[in-house]
Each structure stands twice: as structure tokens, then as C-alpha cells.
Amino acid sequence: MKLLVIGATGATGKEIINQALAQGHEVTALVRDTAKASFATPVQNMVGNVLDPASLQRALAVQEAVACSLGSAASGPFKEMTMLSVGTANLVAAMQTLGVRRLVCITGVGAGDSKGHGPWYYNWLIQPLLLRGVYHDKTRQETVVRESGLRWTLVRPALLTNGPSLGATAVHAHTKLAGVSVGKISRADVAAFCLRELVDGRYQGQAPVITS
């Protein structure tokens, strides 16, 4: 599979790239700064960012699928942001123009109807005090993806850790959230889930919350 990774220099993006290479995929990384792009030689680095539509079209020219792991810094309780939703809208438009149909987009527990399904301290302290603006924008980002007409999957990880992979059988995906409260998941397991989803499309058109 010819795969474009957005958010490639973030911790989860790097996991996606490393695992994709190990699985034999052809990987392109969209990066703003090549100095931060210390990827293995087979990875093709394309300079650009999601707020530059022309760079997205260049990066997408020969791709078959996209893994989007855009991240953002904590916004605090009052600051709103738009980078995730605007950047994803640019990505969707470029994919539509070039006929690239498959998109896996990582958001997080707390976006859309998954709000309130994390641990209590996350629901009542971390998200409202540190991530309020980020998750407002993640919710808008999800709407962009849902309305795109692409073959999409939204992946909503529980709280992320840098721990080792626990393996596919340890990862639980919830599409019905009534009564569900999730804990943590490693970035390695998130990356593995996204790559499996790109191949088998089990959750296409859905927004699973994933946890270990």
C-alpha cells in the first residue's frame, strides 16, 4: 500500500511509519521541517503542511491511502483553535481532487459523542481545563471527515501512553458507547490498529473508541 502519513513527526505518527515500513508498505511523510524527519531511508519526506493545500496535493499524487495523526498542544479552558478542522478540510479536498479514497483519522476519546467516556479525572479535569479548545476542534474535524464522502474511519484512542504494544487481542474497540468508560492505550497499539484498519476496513464509516 502506498501510504501518506500526516502528523508524521509526532509520537503516534512515528509509530505508524515504523510499523508500516515493517509491514512492507511504501510510506510518504508530510513534514514541515525535514530536520525533525529522522525516518528510515525508504520513507519519502514531502515538505508541506495541512494548511498549505498545494503541498497536500503534491504529497497525495501517487498515494492509495492516508493515515492522519495530527496533534496539537494543550489549549487551556478558553482558547479556541481551528488547525485540526481546517487542516483536515484541506486534506479531504485534496483527496477528493486526486481520487484518493481511503482515510484513517485519529482524534481521541472526548471528541463528538465520545465525550465523557474517559477516566473521571480526564472527563472532569484534564479535558475541560487543558484540552477544551482542542476537543472542540477535534469534534469539528470529525464532522469534516464524516461528511467527506471518502472511505473513512475515525479512530478515538483512550489516554495515550508510550508503553509497549500489548498486541491486537488486548485492544478493545467500542462503537456503542453506552456505559463504556475507557482507560489507556499505547501509541504502538494505536498505530497497529490504524494499519490493520487501512487493510481490512472493519470499521469503515465508524468511529471506534479504542483502549487496552
C-alpha atoms as a PDB file:
ATOM      1  CA  MET A   1       0.000   0.000   0.000  1.00  0.00           C
ATOM      2  CA  LYS A   2       1.214   3.496  -0.828  1.00  0.00           C
ATOM      3  CA  LEU A   3       0.531   5.400   2.382  1.00  0.00           C
ATOM      4  CA  LEU A   4       0.753   9.095   3.225  1.00  0.00           C
ATOM      5  CA  VAL A   5       1.175   9.855   6.927  1.00  0.00           C
ATOM      6  CA  ILE A   6       0.017  13.246   8.197  1.00  0.00           C
ATOM      7  CA  GLY A   7       1.405  14.278  11.586  1.00  0.00           C
ATOM      8  CA  ALA A   8       4.397  12.084  10.836  1.00  0.00           C
ATOM      9  CA  THR A   9       6.829  13.662  13.315  1.00  0.00           C
ATOM     10  CA  GLY A  10       4.502  13.235  16.295  1.00  0.00           C
ATOM     11  CA  ALA A  11       4.906  10.243  18.583  1.00  0.00           C
ATOM     12  CA  THR A  12       1.964   8.327  17.119  1.00  0.00           C
ATOM     13  CA  GLY A  13       2.869   9.270  13.561  1.00  0.00           C
ATOM     14  CA  LYS A  14       6.365   7.856  14.050  1.00  0.00           C
ATOM     15  CA  GLU A  15       4.871   4.604  15.328  1.00  0.00           C
ATOM     16  CA  ILE A  16       2.652   4.371  12.256  1.00  0.00           C
ATOM     17  CA  ILE A  17       5.624   4.925   9.962  1.00  0.00           C
ATOM     18  CA  ASN A  18       7.875   2.377  11.665  1.00  0.00           C
ATOM     19  CA  GLN A  19       5.193  -0.296  11.705  1.00  0.00           C
ATOM     20  CA  ALA A  20       4.110   0.445   8.133  1.00  0.00           C
ATOM     21  CA  LEU A  21       7.680   0.005   6.934  1.00  0.00           C
ATOM     22  CA  ALA A  22       7.983  -3.281   8.826  1.00  0.00           C
ATOM     23  CA  GLN A  23       4.833  -4.472   7.053  1.00  0.00           C
ATOM     24  CA  GLY A  24       6.247  -3.592   3.626  1.00  0.00           C
ATOM     25  CA  HIS A  25       4.142  -0.532   2.829  1.00  0.00           C
ATOM     26  CA  GLU A  26       5.504   2.370   0.766  1.00  0.00           C
ATOM     27  CA  VAL A  27       5.435   5.360   3.111  1.00  0.00           C
ATOM     28  CA  THR A  28       5.455   9.096   2.451  1.00  0.00           C
ATOM     29  CA  ALA A  29       5.661  11.526   5.371  1.00  0.00           C
ATOM     30  CA  LEU A  30       4.323  15.064   5.142  1.00  0.00           C
ATOM     31  CA  VAL A  31       6.674  17.194   7.263  1.00  0.00           C
ATOM     32  CA  ARG A  32       7.086  20.889   7.905  1.00  0.00           C
ATOM     33  CA  ASP A  33      10.733  20.577   8.953  1.00  0.00           C
ATOM     34  CA  THR A  34      12.984  17.924   7.420  1.00  0.00           C
ATOM     35  CA  ALA A  35      15.379  18.303  10.361  1.00  0.00           C
ATOM     36  CA  LYS A  36      12.744  16.579  12.519  1.00  0.00           C
ATOM     37  CA  ALA A  37      12.142  13.830   9.979  1.00  0.00           C
ATOM     38  CA  SER A  38      14.694  11.207  11.028  1.00  0.00           C
ATOM     39  CA  PHE A  39      12.965   8.313   9.309  1.00  0.00           C
ATOM     40  CA  ALA A  40      14.467   5.230   7.740  1.00  0.00           C
ATOM     41  CA  THR A  41      15.707   5.622   4.175  1.00  0.00           C
ATOM     42  CA  PRO A  42      12.677   4.064   2.413  1.00  0.00           C
ATOM     43  CA  VAL A  43      10.417   6.853   3.731  1.00  0.00           C
ATOM     44  CA  GLN A  44       9.892   9.682   1.276  1.00  0.00           C
ATOM     45  CA  ASN A  45       9.733  13.065   3.009  1.00  0.00           C
ATOM     46  CA  MET A  46       7.464  15.667   1.427  1.00  0.00           C
ATOM     47  CA  VAL A  47       7.770  19.210   2.781  1.00  0.00           C
ATOM     48  CA  GLY A  48       4.436  20.854   3.481  1.00  0.00           C
ATOM     49  CA  ASN A  49       1.626  21.098   5.977  1.00  0.00           C
ATOM     50  CA  VAL A  50      -2.125  20.721   6.148  1.00  0.00           C
ATOM     51  CA  LEU A  51      -2.677  24.473   5.959  1.00  0.00           C
ATOM     52  CA  ASP A  52      -0.998  24.526   2.525  1.00  0.00           C
ATOM     53  CA  PRO A  53      -3.379  22.846   0.043  1.00  0.00           C
ATOM     54  CA  ALA A  54      -0.810  22.818  -2.753  1.00  0.00           C
ATOM     55  CA  SER A  55       1.640  20.818  -0.653  1.00  0.00           C
ATOM     56  CA  LEU A  56      -1.086  18.316   0.175  1.00  0.00           C
ATOM     57  CA  GLN A  57      -1.822  17.761  -3.496  1.00  0.00           C
ATOM     58  CA  ARG A  58       1.863  17.189  -4.221  1.00  0.00           C
ATOM     59  CA  ALA A  59       2.141  14.671  -1.402  1.00  0.00           C
ATOM     60  CA  LEU A  60      -1.046  12.819  -2.408  1.00  0.00           C
ATOM     61  CA  ALA A  61      -0.208  12.494  -6.099  1.00  0.00           C
ATOM     62  CA  VAL A  62       0.664   8.766  -6.038  1.00  0.00           C
ATOM     63  CA  GLN A  63      -0.932   7.611  -2.778  1.00  0.00           C
ATOM     64  CA  GLU A  64      -3.550   4.932  -2.131  1.00  0.00           C
ATOM     65  CA  ALA A  65      -4.438   5.802   1.468  1.00  0.00           C
ATOM     66  CA  VAL A  66      -3.859   8.358   4.220  1.00  0.00           C
ATOM     67  CA  ALA A  67      -3.266   7.986   7.946  1.00  0.00           C
ATOM     68  CA  CYS A  68      -3.884  11.317   9.683  1.00  0.00           C
ATOM     69  CA  SER A  69      -2.449  11.666  13.196  1.00  0.00           C
ATOM     70  CA  LEU A  70      -2.498  15.425  13.549  1.00  0.00           C
ATOM     71  CA  GLY A  71      -1.835  16.613  17.079  1.00  0.00           C
ATOM     72  CA  SER A  72      -1.895  19.919  18.905  1.00  0.00           C
ATOM     73  CA  ALA A  73      -0.684  21.446  22.128  1.00  0.00           C
ATOM     74  CA  ALA A  74      -2.945  21.940  25.130  1.00  0.00           C
ATOM     75  CA  SER A  75      -5.186  24.950  24.579  1.00  0.00           C
ATOM     76  CA  GLY A  76      -6.381  25.701  28.114  1.00  0.00           C
ATOM     77  CA  PRO A  77     -10.004  26.331  29.083  1.00  0.00           C
ATOM     78  CA  PHE A  78     -10.627  29.443  26.974  1.00  0.00           C
ATOM     79  CA  LYS A  79      -8.534  29.420  23.805  1.00  0.00           C
ATOM     80  CA  GLU A  80     -10.246  28.024  20.730  1.00  0.00           C
ATOM     81  CA  MET A  81      -8.358  26.606  17.780  1.00  0.00           C
ATOM     82  CA  THR A  82      -9.100  25.613  14.196  1.00  0.00           C
ATOM     83  CA  MET A  83      -5.943  23.948  12.857  1.00  0.00           C
ATOM     84  CA  LEU A  84      -7.243  20.390  13.103  1.00  0.00           C
ATOM     85  CA  SER A  85     -10.567  21.030  11.385  1.00  0.00           C
ATOM     86  CA  VAL A  86      -9.242  23.447   8.762  1.00  0.00           C
ATOM     87  CA  GLY A  87      -6.225  21.255   8.015  1.00  0.00           C
ATOM     88  CA  THR A  88      -8.402  18.162   7.710  1.00  0.00           C
ATOM     89  CA  ALA A  89     -10.805  20.024   5.417  1.00  0.00           C
ATOM     90  CA  ASN A  90      -7.825  20.855   3.188  1.00  0.00           C
ATOM     91  CA  LEU A  91      -6.722  17.217   3.280  1.00  0.00           C
ATOM     92  CA  VAL A  92     -10.193  15.947   2.376  1.00  0.00           C
ATOM     93  CA  ALA A  93     -10.465  18.400  -0.512  1.00  0.00           C
ATOM     94  CA  ALA A  94      -7.085  17.305  -1.883  1.00  0.00           C
ATOM     95  CA  MET A  95      -8.017  13.628  -1.557  1.00  0.00           C
ATOM     96  CA  GLN A  96     -11.283  14.228  -3.368  1.00  0.00           C
ATOM     97  CA  THR A  97      -9.481  16.080  -6.173  1.00  0.00           C
ATOM     98  CA  LEU A  98      -6.887  13.340  -6.667  1.00  0.00           C
ATOM     99  CA  GLY A  99      -9.196  10.381  -6.151  1.00  0.00           C
ATOM    100  CA  VAL A 100      -7.506   9.043  -3.011  1.00  0.00           C
ATOM    101  CA  ARG A 101     -10.437   7.472  -1.183  1.00  0.00           C
ATOM    102  CA  ARG A 102      -9.187   5.727   1.985  1.00  0.00           C
ATOM    103  CA  LEU A 103      -8.652   7.765   5.152  1.00  0.00           C
ATOM    104  CA  VAL A 104      -7.996   6.725   8.735  1.00  0.00           C
ATOM    105  CA  CYS A 105      -8.065   9.776  11.002  1.00  0.00           C
ATOM    106  CA  ILE A 106      -7.068   9.716  14.682  1.00  0.00           C
ATOM    107  CA  THR A 107      -8.956  12.031  17.018  1.00  0.00           C
ATOM    108  CA  GLY A 108      -9.425  10.904  20.628  1.00  0.00           C
ATOM    109  CA  VAL A 109     -11.846   9.947  23.363  1.00  0.00           C
ATOM    110  CA  GLY A 110     -13.756  13.122  24.158  1.00  0.00           C
ATOM    111  CA  ALA A 111     -14.466  14.081  20.552  1.00  0.00           C
ATOM    112  CA  GLY A 112     -18.079  14.133  19.411  1.00  0.00           C
ATOM    113  CA  ASP A 113     -20.326  11.635  21.166  1.00  0.00           C
ATOM    114  CA  SER A 114     -17.344  10.047  22.950  1.00  0.00           C
ATOM    115  CA  LYS A 115     -17.193  12.967  25.390  1.00  0.00           C
ATOM    116  CA  GLY A 116     -17.452  11.733  28.967  1.00  0.00           C
ATOM    117  CA  HIS A 117     -16.244   8.203  28.216  1.00  0.00           C
ATOM    118  CA  GLY A 118     -12.689   8.552  29.535  1.00  0.00           C
ATOM    119  CA  PRO A 119     -11.489   8.171  33.131  1.00  0.00           C
ATOM    120  CA  TRP A 120     -13.167  10.521  35.631  1.00  0.00           C
ATOM    121  CA  TYR A 121     -10.068  12.689  36.051  1.00  0.00           C
ATOM    122  CA  TYR A 122      -9.816  13.104  32.294  1.00  0.00           C
ATOM    123  CA  ASN A 123     -13.517  13.900  31.850  1.00  0.00           C
ATOM    124  CA  TRP A 124     -13.691  16.426  34.710  1.00  0.00           C
ATOM    125  CA  LEU A 125     -10.169  17.871  34.951  1.00  0.00           C
ATOM    126  CA  ILE A 126      -7.822  17.294  32.020  1.00  0.00           C
ATOM    127  CA  GLN A 127     -10.220  17.802  29.124  1.00  0.00           C
ATOM    128  CA  PRO A 128     -12.119  20.877  30.400  1.00  0.00           C
ATOM    129  CA  LEU A 129      -9.070  22.596  31.920  1.00  0.00           C
ATOM    130  CA  LEU A 130      -6.317  21.748  29.421  1.00  0.00           C
ATOM    131  CA  LEU A 131      -7.897  20.442  26.233  1.00  0.00           C
ATOM    132  CA  ARG A 132     -11.246  22.188  25.886  1.00  0.00           C
ATOM    133  CA  GLY A 133     -10.399  24.100  22.708  1.00  0.00           C
ATOM    134  CA  VAL A 134      -8.536  21.142  21.221  1.00  0.00           C
ATOM    135  CA  TYR A 135     -11.535  18.855  21.620  1.00  0.00           C
ATOM    136  CA  HIS A 136     -13.974  21.405  20.264  1.00  0.00           C
ATOM    137  CA  ASP A 137     -11.789  21.383  17.143  1.00  0.00           C
ATOM    138  CA  LYS A 138     -11.466  17.578  17.121  1.00  0.00           C
ATOM    139  CA  THR A 139     -15.255  17.405  17.085  1.00  0.00           C
ATOM    140  CA  ARG A 140     -15.332  19.759  14.083  1.00  0.00           C
ATOM    141  CA  GLN A 141     -12.575  17.646  12.497  1.00  0.00           C
ATOM    142  CA  GLU A 142     -14.713  14.533  12.873  1.00  0.00           C
ATOM    143  CA  THR A 143     -17.633  16.281  11.171  1.00  0.00           C
ATOM    144  CA  VAL A 144     -15.389  17.154   8.218  1.00  0.00           C
ATOM    145  CA  VAL A 145     -14.365  13.516   7.861  1.00  0.00           C
ATOM    146  CA  ARG A 146     -17.920  12.165   8.251  1.00  0.00           C
ATOM    147  CA  GLU A 147     -19.191  14.488   5.509  1.00  0.00           C
ATOM    148  CA  SER A 148     -16.265  13.872   3.146  1.00  0.00           C
ATOM    149  CA  GLY A 149     -17.727  11.096   1.014  1.00  0.00           C
ATOM    150  CA  LEU A 150     -14.427   9.231   1.413  1.00  0.00           C
ATOM    151  CA  ARG A 151     -13.945   5.690   2.726  1.00  0.00           C
ATOM    152  CA  TRP A 152     -13.161   6.878   6.231  1.00  0.00           C
ATOM    153  CA  THR A 153     -12.595   5.547   9.706  1.00  0.00           C
ATOM    154  CA  LEU A 154     -12.280   7.784  12.764  1.00  0.00           C
ATOM    155  CA  VAL A 155     -10.089   6.265  15.474  1.00  0.00           C
ATOM    156  CA  ARG A 156     -10.607   7.592  19.010  1.00  0.00           C
ATOM    157  CA  PRO A 157      -7.853   6.337  21.310  1.00  0.00           C
ATOM    158  CA  ALA A 158      -8.137   6.290  25.095  1.00  0.00           C
ATOM    159  CA  LEU A 159      -5.417   8.165  27.003  1.00  0.00           C
ATOM    160  CA  LEU A 160      -2.136   7.639  25.164  1.00  0.00           C
ATOM    161  CA  THR A 161       0.990   6.129  26.684  1.00  0.00           C
ATOM    162  CA  ASN A 162       4.468   5.402  25.349  1.00  0.00           C
ATOM    163  CA  GLY A 163       4.372   1.844  26.640  1.00  0.00           C
ATOM    164  CA  PRO A 164       4.983  -1.292  24.577  1.00  0.00           C
ATOM    165  CA  SER A 165       2.396  -2.888  22.369  1.00  0.00           C
ATOM    166  CA  LEU A 166       0.145  -5.361  24.154  1.00  0.00           C
ATOM    167  CA  GLY A 167      -0.937  -6.925  20.876  1.00  0.00           C
ATOM    168  CA  ALA A 168      -4.130  -6.941  18.851  1.00  0.00           C
ATOM    169  CA  THR A 169      -6.014  -9.223  21.212  1.00  0.00           C
ATOM    170  CA  ALA A 170      -5.523  -6.752  24.072  1.00  0.00           C
ATOM    171  CA  VAL A 171      -7.097  -3.853  22.156  1.00  0.00           C
ATOM    172  CA  HIS A 172     -10.846  -3.323  22.513  1.00  0.00           C
ATOM    173  CA  ALA A 173     -12.812  -1.229  20.019  1.00  0.00           C
ATOM    174  CA  HIS A 174     -16.116   0.265  21.159  1.00  0.00           C
ATOM    175  CA  THR A 175     -18.626   1.593  18.657  1.00  0.00           C
ATOM    176  CA  LYS A 176     -21.549   1.553  21.084  1.00  0.00           C
ATOM    177  CA  LEU A 177     -20.579   3.782  23.989  1.00  0.00           C
ATOM    178  CA  ALA A 178     -23.457   3.458  26.442  1.00  0.00           C
ATOM    179  CA  GLY A 179     -21.939   2.511  29.778  1.00  0.00           C
ATOM    180  CA  VAL A 180     -18.383   2.484  28.388  1.00  0.00           C
ATOM    181  CA  SER A 181     -15.505   4.136  30.258  1.00  0.00           C
ATOM    182  CA  VAL A 182     -12.034   3.614  28.830  1.00  0.00           C
ATOM    183  CA  GLY A 183      -8.569   3.949  30.333  1.00  0.00           C
ATOM    184  CA  LYS A 184      -5.274   3.936  28.432  1.00  0.00           C
ATOM    185  CA  ILE A 185      -3.673   2.583  25.281  1.00  0.00           C
ATOM    186  CA  SER A 186      -0.126   2.688  23.952  1.00  0.00           C
ATOM    187  CA  ARG A 187       0.728   4.611  20.827  1.00  0.00           C
ATOM    188  CA  ALA A 188       2.197   1.389  19.468  1.00  0.00           C
ATOM    189  CA  ASP A 189      -1.187  -0.314  19.747  1.00  0.00           C
ATOM    190  CA  VAL A 190      -2.955   2.703  18.205  1.00  0.00           C
ATOM    191  CA  ALA A 191      -0.590   2.593  15.228  1.00  0.00           C
ATOM    192  CA  ALA A 192      -1.128  -1.136  14.794  1.00  0.00           C
ATOM    193  CA  PHE A 193      -4.907  -0.708  14.945  1.00  0.00           C
ATOM    194  CA  CYS A 194      -4.810   2.042  12.295  1.00  0.00           C
ATOM    195  CA  LEU A 195      -2.711  -0.059   9.931  1.00  0.00           C
ATOM    196  CA  ARG A 196      -4.997  -3.074  10.359  1.00  0.00           C
ATOM    197  CA  GLU A 197      -7.968  -0.842   9.657  1.00  0.00           C
ATOM    198  CA  LEU A 198      -6.386   0.542   6.492  1.00  0.00           C
ATOM    199  CA  VAL A 199      -6.007  -3.010   5.210  1.00  0.00           C
ATOM    200  CA  ASP A 200      -9.219  -4.713   6.323  1.00  0.00           C
ATOM    201  CA  GLY A 201     -11.681  -1.792   6.707  1.00  0.00           C
ATOM    202  CA  ARG A 202     -13.565  -3.486   9.522  1.00  0.00           C
ATOM    203  CA  TYR A 203     -14.691  -0.151  10.981  1.00  0.00           C
ATOM    204  CA  GLN A 204     -15.122   1.811   7.762  1.00  0.00           C
ATOM    205  CA  GLY A 205     -17.713   4.533   8.242  1.00  0.00           C
ATOM    206  CA  GLN A 206     -17.472   4.207  12.033  1.00  0.00           C
ATOM    207  CA  ALA A 207     -15.681   5.937  14.915  1.00  0.00           C
ATOM    208  CA  PRO A 208     -14.450   3.285  17.354  1.00  0.00           C
ATOM    209  CA  VAL A 209     -13.077   4.270  20.754  1.00  0.00           C
ATOM    210  CA  ILE A 210     -10.068   2.021  21.330  1.00  0.00           C
ATOM    211  CA  THR A 211      -8.495   1.021  24.628  1.00  0.00           C
ATOM    212  CA  SER A 212      -6.348  -1.709  26.142  1.00  0.00           C
END
